[in-house]
PDB file of N, CA and C in Angstrom:
ATOM      1  N   MET A   1       0.788  -1.210  -0.007  1.00  0.00           N
ATOM      2  CA  MET A   1      -0.046  -0.039  -0.077  1.00  0.00           C
ATOM      3  C   MET A   1       0.803   1.166  -0.020  1.00  0.00           C
ATOM      4  N   LYS A   2       0.467   2.145  -0.852  1.00  0.00           N
ATOM      5  CA  LYS A   2       1.367   3.407  -0.882  1.00  0.00           C
ATOM      6  C   LYS A   2       0.678   4.403   0.191  1.00  0.00           C
ATOM      7  N   ILE A   3       1.532   5.062   0.852  1.00  0.00           N
ATOM      8  CA  ILE A   3       1.329   6.148   1.751  1.00  0.00           C
ATOM      9  C   ILE A   3       2.160   7.288   1.279  1.00  0.00           C
ATOM     10  N   PHE A   4       1.860   8.517   1.827  1.00  0.00           N
ATOM     11  CA  PHE A   4       2.702   9.665   1.579  1.00  0.00           C
ATOM     12  C   PHE A   4       3.022  10.346   2.664  1.00  0.00           C
ATOM     13  N   LYS A   5       4.385  10.473   3.140  1.00  0.00           N
ATOM     14  CA  LYS A   5       4.955  11.054   4.526  1.00  0.00           C
ATOM     15  C   LYS A   5       5.611  12.350   4.170  1.00  0.00           C
ATOM     16  N   CYS A   6       5.384  13.305   5.182  1.00  0.00           N
ATOM     17  CA  CYS A   6       6.066  14.584   5.024  1.00  0.00           C
ATOM     18  C   CYS A   6       7.497  14.439   5.447  1.00  0.00           C
ATOM     19  N   ASN A   7       8.487  15.070   4.646  1.00  0.00           N
ATOM     20  CA  ASN A   7       9.771  14.801   5.011  1.00  0.00           C
ATOM     21  C   ASN A   7      10.168  15.887   6.095  1.00  0.00           C
ATOM     22  N   SER A   8       9.309  16.681   6.473  1.00  0.00           N
ATOM     23  CA  SER A   8       9.684  17.774   7.589  1.00  0.00           C
ATOM     24  C   SER A   8       9.022  17.266   8.995  1.00  0.00           C
ATOM     25  N   CYS A   9       7.891  17.031   8.940  1.00  0.00           N
ATOM     26  CA  CYS A   9       7.008  16.827  10.288  1.00  0.00           C
ATOM     27  C   CYS A   9       6.486  15.351  10.481  1.00  0.00           C
ATOM     28  N   ASN A  10       6.636  14.568   9.601  1.00  0.00           N
ATOM     29  CA  ASN A  10       6.287  13.142   9.595  1.00  0.00           C
ATOM     30  C   ASN A  10       4.711  12.989   9.426  1.00  0.00           C
ATOM     31  N   TYR A  11       4.061  14.050   8.967  1.00  0.00           N
ATOM     32  CA  TYR A  11       2.664  13.611   8.717  1.00  0.00           C
ATOM     33  C   TYR A  11       2.433  12.715   7.741  1.00  0.00           C
ATOM     34  N   GLY A  12       1.352  11.925   7.816  1.00  0.00           N
ATOM     35  CA  GLY A  12       1.197  10.864   6.776  1.00  0.00           C
ATOM     36  C   GLY A  12      -0.178  10.889   6.174  1.00  0.00           C
ATOM     37  N   SER A  13      -0.410  10.334   4.971  1.00  0.00           N
ATOM     38  CA  SER A  13      -1.706  10.350   4.310  1.00  0.00           C
ATOM     39  C   SER A  13      -1.752   9.246   3.246  1.00  0.00           C
ATOM     40  N   VAL A  14      -2.914   8.817   2.766  1.00  0.00           N
ATOM     41  CA  VAL A  14      -2.972   7.783   1.696  1.00  0.00           C
ATOM     42  C   VAL A  14      -3.141   8.548   0.530  1.00  0.00           C
ATOM     43  N   SER A  15      -3.284  10.059   0.518  1.00  0.00           N
ATOM     44  CA  SER A  15      -3.456  10.629  -0.590  1.00  0.00           C
ATOM     45  C   SER A  15      -2.330  11.539  -0.865  1.00  0.00           C
ATOM     46  N   SER A  16      -1.827  11.915  -1.925  1.00  0.00           N
ATOM     47  CA  SER A  16      -0.755  12.741  -2.307  1.00  0.00           C
ATOM     48  C   SER A  16      -1.191  14.266  -2.282  1.00  0.00           C
ATOM     49  N   LYS A  17      -0.428  15.146  -1.773  1.00  0.00           N
ATOM     50  CA  LYS A  17      -0.664  16.659  -1.805  1.00  0.00           C
ATOM     51  C   LYS A  17       0.642  17.266  -2.183  1.00  0.00           C
ATOM     52  N   TYR A  18       0.467  18.445  -2.606  1.00  0.00           N
ATOM     53  CA  TYR A  18       1.576  19.179  -3.268  1.00  0.00           C
ATOM     54  C   TYR A  18       2.505  19.469  -1.961  1.00  0.00           C
ATOM     55  N   THR A  19       2.100  20.040  -0.902  1.00  0.00           N
ATOM     56  CA  THR A  19       2.600  20.327   0.246  1.00  0.00           C
ATOM     57  C   THR A  19       1.978  19.804   1.370  1.00  0.00           C
ATOM     58  N   CYS A  20       2.635  19.755   2.518  1.00  0.00           N
ATOM     59  CA  CYS A  20       2.202  19.105   3.803  1.00  0.00           C
ATOM     60  C   CYS A  20       1.062  19.966   4.355  1.00  0.00           C
ATOM     61  N   PRO A  21      -0.207  19.549   4.604  1.00  0.00           N
ATOM     62  CA  PRO A  21      -1.192  20.291   5.158  1.00  0.00           C
ATOM     63  C   PRO A  21      -0.988  20.619   6.564  1.00  0.00           C
ATOM     64  N   GLU A  22      -0.084  19.805   7.269  1.00  0.00           N
ATOM     65  CA  GLU A  22       0.209  19.952   8.788  1.00  0.00           C
ATOM     66  C   GLU A  22       1.235  21.000   9.021  1.00  0.00           C
ATOM     67  N   CYS A  23       2.383  21.026   8.446  1.00  0.00           N
ATOM     68  CA  CYS A  23       3.422  22.054   8.654  1.00  0.00           C
ATOM     69  C   CYS A  23       3.512  23.154   7.447  1.00  0.00           C
ATOM     70  N   ARG A  24       2.844  22.916   6.412  1.00  0.00           N
ATOM     71  CA  ARG A  24       2.806  23.711   5.192  1.00  0.00           C
ATOM     72  C   ARG A  24       4.216  23.983   4.655  1.00  0.00           C
ATOM     73  N   THR A  25       5.170  23.197   4.934  1.00  0.00           N
ATOM     74  CA  THR A  25       6.547  23.533   4.375  1.00  0.00           C
ATOM     75  C   THR A  25       7.149  22.236   3.662  1.00  0.00           C
ATOM     76  N   GLY A  26       6.830  21.063   4.181  1.00  0.00           N
ATOM     77  CA  GLY A  26       7.349  19.783   3.641  1.00  0.00           C
ATOM     78  C   GLY A  26       6.830  19.274   2.501  1.00  0.00           C
ATOM     79  N   LYS A  27       7.452  18.451   1.927  1.00  0.00           N
ATOM     80  CA  LYS A  27       6.919  17.709   0.541  1.00  0.00           C
ATOM     81  C   LYS A  27       6.569  16.398   0.953  1.00  0.00           C
ATOM     82  N   LEU A  28       5.644  15.778   0.493  1.00  0.00           N
ATOM     83  CA  LEU A  28       5.120  14.487   0.776  1.00  0.00           C
ATOM     84  C   LEU A  28       5.811  13.587  -0.234  1.00  0.00           C
ATOM     85  N   GLU A  29       6.464  12.512   0.335  1.00  0.00           N
ATOM     86  CA  GLU A  29       7.182  11.574  -0.433  1.00  0.00           C
ATOM     87  C   GLU A  29       6.511  10.177  -0.342  1.00  0.00           C
ATOM     88  N   GLU A  30       6.394   9.445  -1.396  1.00  0.00           N
ATOM     89  CA  GLU A  30       5.753   8.141  -1.508  1.00  0.00           C
ATOM     90  C   GLU A  30       6.517   7.113  -0.823  1.00  0.00           C
ATOM     91  N   LYS A  31       5.808   6.232  -0.001  1.00  0.00           N
ATOM     92  CA  LYS A  31       6.392   5.158   0.737  1.00  0.00           C
ATOM     93  C   LYS A  31       5.520   4.045   0.759  1.00  0.00           C
ATOM     94  N   GLU A  32       6.138   2.777   0.486  1.00  0.00           N
ATOM     95  CA  GLU A  32       5.365   1.563   0.477  1.00  0.00           C
ATOM     96  C   GLU A  32       5.239   0.941   1.878  1.00  0.00           C
ATOM     97  N   VAL A  33       4.018   0.607   2.382  1.00  0.00           N
ATOM     98  CA  VAL A  33       3.948   0.068   3.720  1.00  0.00           C
ATOM     99  C   VAL A  33       2.941  -1.161   3.673  1.00  0.00           C
ATOM    100  N   SER A  34       2.987  -1.983   4.537  1.00  0.00           N
ATOM    101  CA  SER A  34       2.042  -3.021   4.666  1.00  0.00           C
ATOM    102  C   SER A  34       0.507  -2.578   4.820  1.00  0.00           C
ATOM    103  N   PRO A  35      -0.375  -3.216   4.262  1.00  0.00           N
ATOM    104  CA  PRO A  35      -1.770  -2.698   4.289  1.00  0.00           C
ATOM    105  C   PRO A  35      -2.403  -3.292   5.717  1.00  0.00           C
ATOM    106  N   LYS A  36      -1.728  -4.062   6.313  1.00  0.00           N
ATOM    107  CA  LYS A  36      -2.304  -4.598   7.621  1.00  0.00           C
ATOM    108  C   LYS A  36      -2.523  -3.545   8.686  1.00  0.00           C
ATOM    109  N   GLY A  37      -3.617  -3.716   9.391  1.00  0.00           N
ATOM    110  CA  GLY A  37      -3.859  -2.844  10.473  1.00  0.00           C
ATOM    111  C   GLY A  37      -4.781  -3.339  11.425  1.00  0.00           C
ATOM    112  N   THR A  38      -5.274  -2.511  12.190  1.00  0.00           N
ATOM    113  CA  THR A  38      -6.253  -2.737  13.343  1.00  0.00           C
ATOM    114  C   THR A  38      -7.512  -1.859  13.175  1.00  0.00           C
ATOM    115  N   VAL A  39      -8.592  -2.392  13.560  1.00  0.00           N
ATOM    116  CA  VAL A  39      -9.833  -1.513  13.555  1.00  0.00           C
ATOM    117  C   VAL A  39      -9.774  -0.430  14.599  1.00  0.00           C
ATOM    118  N   PHE A  40      -9.728   0.868  14.320  1.00  0.00           N
ATOM    119  CA  PHE A  40      -9.751   1.894  15.157  1.00  0.00           C
ATOM    120  C   PHE A  40     -11.106   2.342  15.685  1.00  0.00           C
ATOM    121  N   SER A  41     -12.048   2.416  14.576  1.00  0.00           N
ATOM    122  CA  SER A  41     -13.373   2.773  14.903  1.00  0.00           C
ATOM    123  C   SER A  41     -14.152   2.044  13.572  1.00  0.00           C
ATOM    124  N   PHE A  42     -15.543   2.024  13.841  1.00  0.00           N
ATOM    125  CA  PHE A  42     -16.365   1.629  12.845  1.00  0.00           C
ATOM    126  C   PHE A  42     -17.799   2.069  13.055  1.00  0.00           C
ATOM    127  N   THR A  43     -18.603   1.937  11.899  1.00  0.00           N
ATOM    128  CA  THR A  43     -19.911   2.151  11.901  1.00  0.00           C
ATOM    129  C   THR A  43     -20.665   1.265  10.814  1.00  0.00           C
ATOM    130  N   ASP A  44     -21.869   0.889  11.093  1.00  0.00           N
ATOM    131  CA  ASP A  44     -22.752   0.017  10.176  1.00  0.00           C
ATOM    132  C   ASP A  44     -23.550   1.077   9.478  1.00  0.00           C
ATOM    133  N   ILE A  45     -23.655   1.047   8.138  1.00  0.00           N
ATOM    134  CA  ILE A  45     -24.441   1.846   7.296  1.00  0.00           C
ATOM    135  C   ILE A  45     -25.667   0.875   6.861  1.00  0.00           C
ATOM    136  N   HIS A  46     -26.794   1.346   7.345  1.00  0.00           N
ATOM    137  CA  HIS A  46     -28.003   0.641   6.966  1.00  0.00           C
ATOM    138  C   HIS A  46     -28.852   1.238   5.771  1.00  0.00           C
ATOM    139  N   ILE A  47     -28.971   2.763   5.703  1.00  0.00           N
ATOM    140  CA  ILE A  47     -29.515   3.509   4.780  1.00  0.00           C
ATOM    141  C   ILE A  47     -28.321   4.184   3.998  1.00  0.00           C
ATOM    142  N   ALA A  48     -28.042   3.615   2.898  1.00  0.00           N
ATOM    143  CA  ALA A  48     -26.930   3.991   2.218  1.00  0.00           C
ATOM    144  C   ALA A  48     -27.308   4.927   1.089  1.00  0.00           C
ATOM    145  N   PRO A  49     -26.169   5.732   0.539  1.00  0.00           N
ATOM    146  CA  PRO A  49     -26.542   6.547  -0.639  1.00  0.00           C
ATOM    147  C   PRO A  49     -26.842   5.781  -1.746  1.00  0.00           C
ATOM    148  N   ALA A  50     -27.616   6.307  -2.765  1.00  0.00           N
ATOM    149  CA  ALA A  50     -28.066   5.632  -3.875  1.00  0.00           C
ATOM    150  C   ALA A  50     -27.085   4.650  -4.625  1.00  0.00           C
ATOM    151  N   GLU A  51     -25.910   5.056  -4.828  1.00  0.00           N
ATOM    152  CA  GLU A  51     -24.872   4.352  -5.588  1.00  0.00           C
ATOM    153  C   GLU A  51     -24.402   3.054  -4.622  1.00  0.00           C
ATOM    154  N   PHE A  52     -24.709   2.966  -3.290  1.00  0.00           N
ATOM    155  CA  PHE A  52     -24.285   1.924  -2.610  1.00  0.00           C
ATOM    156  C   PHE A  52     -25.524   1.057  -2.009  1.00  0.00           C
ATOM    157  N   ALA A  53     -26.661   1.494  -2.268  1.00  0.00           N
ATOM    158  CA  ALA A  53     -28.084   0.795  -1.860  1.00  0.00           C
ATOM    159  C   ALA A  53     -27.999  -0.560  -2.158  1.00  0.00           C
ATOM    160  N   GLY A  54     -27.439  -1.046  -3.225  1.00  0.00           N
ATOM    161  CA  GLY A  54     -27.388  -2.518  -3.499  1.00  0.00           C
ATOM    162  C   GLY A  54     -26.576  -3.350  -2.537  1.00  0.00           C
ATOM    163  N   ILE A  55     -25.642  -2.749  -1.796  1.00  0.00           N
ATOM    164  CA  ILE A  55     -24.711  -3.502  -1.059  1.00  0.00           C
ATOM    165  C   ILE A  55     -25.246  -3.271   0.492  1.00  0.00           C
ATOM    166  N   ALA A  56     -26.062  -2.344   0.870  1.00  0.00           N
ATOM    167  CA  ALA A  56     -26.491  -2.112   2.298  1.00  0.00           C
ATOM    168  C   ALA A  56     -27.168  -3.321   2.751  1.00  0.00           C
ATOM    169  N   PRO A  57     -27.016  -3.649   4.269  1.00  0.00           N
ATOM    170  CA  PRO A  57     -26.259  -2.907   5.090  1.00  0.00           C
ATOM    171  C   PRO A  57     -24.819  -3.354   4.790  1.00  0.00           C
ATOM    172  N   TYR A  58     -23.765  -2.603   5.200  1.00  0.00           N
ATOM    173  CA  TYR A  58     -22.351  -2.719   5.173  1.00  0.00           C
ATOM    174  C   TYR A  58     -21.624  -1.992   6.285  1.00  0.00           C
ATOM    175  N   THR A  59     -20.477  -2.323   6.512  1.00  0.00           N
ATOM    176  CA  THR A  59     -19.600  -1.680   7.619  1.00  0.00           C
ATOM    177  C   THR A  59     -18.520  -0.874   6.988  1.00  0.00           C
ATOM    178  N   ILE A  60     -18.243   0.293   7.535  1.00  0.00           N
ATOM    179  CA  ILE A  60     -17.214   1.194   7.207  1.00  0.00           C
ATOM    180  C   ILE A  60     -16.423   1.169   8.551  1.00  0.00           C
ATOM    181  N   ALA A  61     -14.951   0.975   8.321  1.00  0.00           N
ATOM    182  CA  ALA A  61     -14.173   1.154   9.433  1.00  0.00           C
ATOM    183  C   ALA A  61     -13.004   1.939   9.176  1.00  0.00           C
ATOM    184  N   LEU A  62     -12.415   2.616  10.170  1.00  0.00           N
ATOM    185  CA  LEU A  62     -11.285   3.348  10.159  1.00  0.00           C
ATOM    186  C   LEU A  62     -10.174   2.423  10.689  1.00  0.00           C
ATOM    187  N   ILE A  63      -9.086   2.295   9.856  1.00  0.00           N
ATOM    188  CA  ILE A  63      -7.970   1.264  10.005  1.00  0.00           C
ATOM    189  C   ILE A  63      -6.751   1.970  10.401  1.00  0.00           C
ATOM    190  N   GLN A  64      -6.159   1.751  11.523  1.00  0.00           N
ATOM    191  CA  GLN A  64      -4.843   2.177  11.805  1.00  0.00           C
ATOM    192  C   GLN A  64      -3.644   1.252  11.284  1.00  0.00           C
ATOM    193  N   LEU A  65      -3.089   1.722  10.394  1.00  0.00           N
ATOM    194  CA  LEU A  65      -2.019   0.957   9.660  1.00  0.00           C
ATOM    195  C   LEU A  65      -1.007   0.558  10.595  1.00  0.00           C
ATOM    196  N   ASP A  66      -0.415  -0.873  10.555  1.00  0.00           N
ATOM    197  CA  ASP A  66       0.431  -1.287  11.567  1.00  0.00           C
ATOM    198  C   ASP A  66       1.920  -0.551  11.232  1.00  0.00           C
ATOM    199  N   GLU A  67       2.344  -0.341   9.993  1.00  0.00           N
ATOM    200  CA  GLU A  67       3.581   0.150   9.808  1.00  0.00           C
ATOM    201  C   GLU A  67       3.708   1.775   9.609  1.00  0.00           C
ATOM    202  N   ALA A  68       2.653   2.397   9.887  1.00  0.00           N
ATOM    203  CA  ALA A  68       2.705   3.980   9.753  1.00  0.00           C
ATOM    204  C   ALA A  68       1.584   4.575  10.502  1.00  0.00           C
ATOM    205  N   ASP A  69       1.960   5.845  10.811  1.00  0.00           N
ATOM    206  CA  ASP A  69       0.928   6.659  11.759  1.00  0.00           C
ATOM    207  C   ASP A  69      -0.084   7.190  10.636  1.00  0.00           C
ATOM    208  N   VAL A  70      -0.795   6.248   9.990  1.00  0.00           N
ATOM    209  CA  VAL A  70      -1.806   6.709   9.077  1.00  0.00           C
ATOM    210  C   VAL A  70      -3.158   5.850   9.223  1.00  0.00           C
ATOM    211  N   LYS A  71      -4.257   6.344   9.094  1.00  0.00           N
ATOM    212  CA  LYS A  71      -5.454   5.808   9.144  1.00  0.00           C
ATOM    213  C   LYS A  71      -6.012   5.886   7.887  1.00  0.00           C
ATOM    214  N   VAL A  72      -6.881   4.697   7.518  1.00  0.00           N
ATOM    215  CA  VAL A  72      -7.447   4.443   6.158  1.00  0.00           C
ATOM    216  C   VAL A  72      -8.832   4.206   6.384  1.00  0.00           C
ATOM    217  N   THR A  73      -9.731   4.820   5.772  1.00  0.00           N
ATOM    218  CA  THR A  73     -11.257   4.642   5.771  1.00  0.00           C
ATOM    219  C   THR A  73     -11.491   3.390   4.746  1.00  0.00           C
ATOM    220  N   ALA A  74     -12.257   2.207   5.075  1.00  0.00           N
ATOM    221  CA  ALA A  74     -12.333   1.090   4.327  1.00  0.00           C
ATOM    222  C   ALA A  74     -13.768   0.511   4.476  1.00  0.00           C
ATOM    223  N   ARG A  75     -14.193  -0.189   3.532  1.00  0.00           N
ATOM    224  CA  ARG A  75     -15.386  -0.895   3.729  1.00  0.00           C
ATOM    225  C   ARG A  75     -14.913  -2.357   4.138  1.00  0.00           C
ATOM    226  N   MET A  76     -15.623  -2.897   5.069  1.00  0.00           N
ATOM    227  CA  MET A  76     -15.265  -4.287   5.522  1.00  0.00           C
ATOM    228  C   MET A  76     -16.156  -5.391   5.020  1.00  0.00           C
ATOM    229  N   ASP A  77     -15.693  -6.485   4.782  1.00  0.00           N
ATOM    230  CA  ASP A  77     -16.387  -7.432   4.237  1.00  0.00           C
ATOM    231  C   ASP A  77     -17.263  -8.413   5.117  1.00  0.00           C
ATOM    232  N   SER A  78     -17.221  -8.002   6.452  1.00  0.00           N
ATOM    233  CA  SER A  78     -17.876  -8.667   7.594  1.00  0.00           C
ATOM    234  C   SER A  78     -18.066  -7.766   8.770  1.00  0.00           C
ATOM    235  N   PRO A  79     -18.772  -8.087   9.672  1.00  0.00           N
ATOM    236  CA  PRO A  79     -18.914  -7.166  10.799  1.00  0.00           C
ATOM    237  C   PRO A  79     -17.600  -7.242  11.662  1.00  0.00           C
ATOM    238  N   VAL A  80     -17.074  -6.153  12.254  1.00  0.00           N
ATOM    239  CA  VAL A  80     -15.885  -6.159  12.952  1.00  0.00           C
ATOM    240  C   VAL A  80     -16.129  -5.623  14.303  1.00  0.00           C
ATOM    241  N   GLN A  81     -15.150  -5.386  15.192  1.00  0.00           N
ATOM    242  CA  GLN A  81     -15.072  -4.815  16.507  1.00  0.00           C
ATOM    243  C   GLN A  81     -13.771  -4.020  16.624  1.00  0.00           C
ATOM    244  N   ILE A  82     -13.781  -2.992  17.439  1.00  0.00           N
ATOM    245  CA  ILE A  82     -12.645  -2.172  17.678  1.00  0.00           C
ATOM    246  C   ILE A  82     -11.461  -3.141  17.961  1.00  0.00           C
ATOM    247  N   GLY A  83     -10.247  -3.100  17.497  1.00  0.00           N
ATOM    248  CA  GLY A  83      -9.091  -3.921  17.974  1.00  0.00           C
ATOM    249  C   GLY A  83      -8.784  -5.195  17.085  1.00  0.00           C
ATOM    250  N   ASP A  84      -9.744  -5.373  16.004  1.00  0.00           N
ATOM    251  CA  ASP A  84      -9.714  -6.592  15.172  1.00  0.00           C
ATOM    252  C   ASP A  84      -8.584  -6.318  14.177  1.00  0.00           C
ATOM    253  N   ASN A  85      -7.817  -7.242  14.015  1.00  0.00           N
ATOM    254  CA  ASN A  85      -6.777  -7.206  13.009  1.00  0.00           C
ATOM    255  C   ASN A  85      -7.249  -7.448  11.642  1.00  0.00           C
ATOM    256  N   VAL A  86      -6.903  -6.664  10.631  1.00  0.00           N
ATOM    257  CA  VAL A  86      -7.478  -6.723   9.235  1.00  0.00           C
ATOM    258  C   VAL A  86      -6.352  -6.580   8.270  1.00  0.00           C
ATOM    259  N   ASP A  87      -6.744  -6.963   7.164  1.00  0.00           N
ATOM    260  CA  ASP A  87      -5.790  -6.804   5.930  1.00  0.00           C
ATOM    261  C   ASP A  87      -6.528  -6.464   4.534  1.00  0.00           C
ATOM    262  N   LEU A  88      -5.888  -5.713   3.819  1.00  0.00           N
ATOM    263  CA  LEU A  88      -6.528  -5.151   2.522  1.00  0.00           C
ATOM    264  C   LEU A  88      -6.712  -6.532   1.715  1.00  0.00           C
ATOM    265  N   GLU A  89      -7.958  -6.643   1.298  1.00  0.00           N
ATOM    266  CA  GLU A  89      -8.346  -7.614   0.282  1.00  0.00           C
ATOM    267  C   GLU A  89      -8.245  -7.239  -1.096  1.00  0.00           C
ATOM    268  N   LYS A  90      -8.869  -6.053  -1.459  1.00  0.00           N
ATOM    269  CA  LYS A  90      -8.699  -5.487  -2.797  1.00  0.00           C
ATOM    270  C   LYS A  90      -9.057  -3.952  -2.640  1.00  0.00           C
ATOM    271  N   VAL A  91      -8.723  -3.338  -3.780  1.00  0.00           N
ATOM    272  CA  VAL A  91      -9.428  -1.952  -3.958  1.00  0.00           C
ATOM    273  C   VAL A  91     -10.270  -1.973  -5.212  1.00  0.00           C
ATOM    274  N   GLU A  92     -11.426  -1.673  -4.742  1.00  0.00           N
ATOM    275  CA  GLU A  92     -12.605  -1.718  -5.910  1.00  0.00           C
ATOM    276  C   GLU A  92     -13.200  -0.374  -6.071  1.00  0.00           C
ATOM    277  N   ASN A  93     -13.081   0.211  -7.317  1.00  0.00           N
ATOM    278  CA  ASN A  93     -13.621   1.462  -7.803  1.00  0.00           C
ATOM    279  C   ASN A  93     -13.073   2.618  -6.822  1.00  0.00           C
ATOM    280  N   GLY A  94     -11.625   2.396  -6.553  1.00  0.00           N
ATOM    281  CA  GLY A  94     -10.945   3.451  -5.709  1.00  0.00           C
ATOM    282  C   GLY A  94     -11.233   3.321  -4.244  1.00  0.00           C
ATOM    283  N   ALA A  95     -12.057   2.278  -3.833  1.00  0.00           N
ATOM    284  CA  ALA A  95     -12.215   2.239  -2.470  1.00  0.00           C
ATOM    285  C   ALA A  95     -11.447   0.981  -1.773  1.00  0.00           C
ATOM    286  N   TYR A  96     -11.100   1.064  -0.617  1.00  0.00           N
ATOM    287  CA  TYR A  96     -10.240   0.137  -0.004  1.00  0.00           C
ATOM    288  C   TYR A  96     -11.377  -0.950   0.674  1.00  0.00           C
ATOM    289  N   LEU A  97     -11.187  -2.378   0.329  1.00  0.00           N
ATOM    290  CA  LEU A  97     -12.142  -3.291   0.957  1.00  0.00           C
ATOM    291  C   LEU A  97     -11.255  -4.343   1.867  1.00  0.00           C
ATOM    292  N   TYR A  98     -11.559  -4.151   3.165  1.00  0.00           N
ATOM    293  CA  TYR A  98     -10.615  -4.896   4.062  1.00  0.00           C
ATOM    294  C   TYR A  98     -11.351  -6.233   4.493  1.00  0.00           C
ATOM    295  N   THR A  99     -10.512  -7.118   5.074  1.00  0.00           N
ATOM    296  CA  THR A  99     -11.167  -8.449   5.467  1.00  0.00           C
ATOM    297  C   THR A  99     -10.518  -8.753   6.932  1.00  0.00           C
ATOM    298  N   LYS A 100     -11.112  -9.397   7.893  1.00  0.00           N
ATOM    299  CA  LYS A 100     -10.510  -9.806   9.195  1.00  0.00           C
ATOM    300  C   LYS A 100      -9.459 -10.792   8.863  1.00  0.00           C
ATOM    301  N   ILE A 101      -8.489 -10.831   9.836  1.00  0.00           N
ATOM    302  CA  ILE A 101      -7.540 -11.942   9.690  1.00  0.00           C
ATOM    303  C   ILE A 101      -7.370 -12.545  11.016  1.00  0.00           C
TER     304      ILE A 101
END
C-alpha cells in the first residue's frame, strides 16, 4: 500500500498533496507499507446513498495501519469490532475493501 509522508514533520496520508497540510513546508514522499492494520473505529451503514444501496447494510471502518501513523477509511467484508486485525483484500472502484485476519 502506498502512503505519503512529510519529510519535515512526519505527517502521513494515503493521498498525495503538493505540500504538507500539517506544517505547510514539507513535501510528501511516497512510501510503500504493509496494508495490515487494526480497526480503530467503525460504523454500520443501513441506509446507504443511492450508489451503494445494493450492498447495504455494510460496515465502514477506520483502520490504523501497522507500519505507519496513518488511518485508512475502508469498507469491511464482514462485521468487526474495535481492535480486530485486518488486511487489505482489494481496491474496488477506488475504495479499500478490508477483511478480518
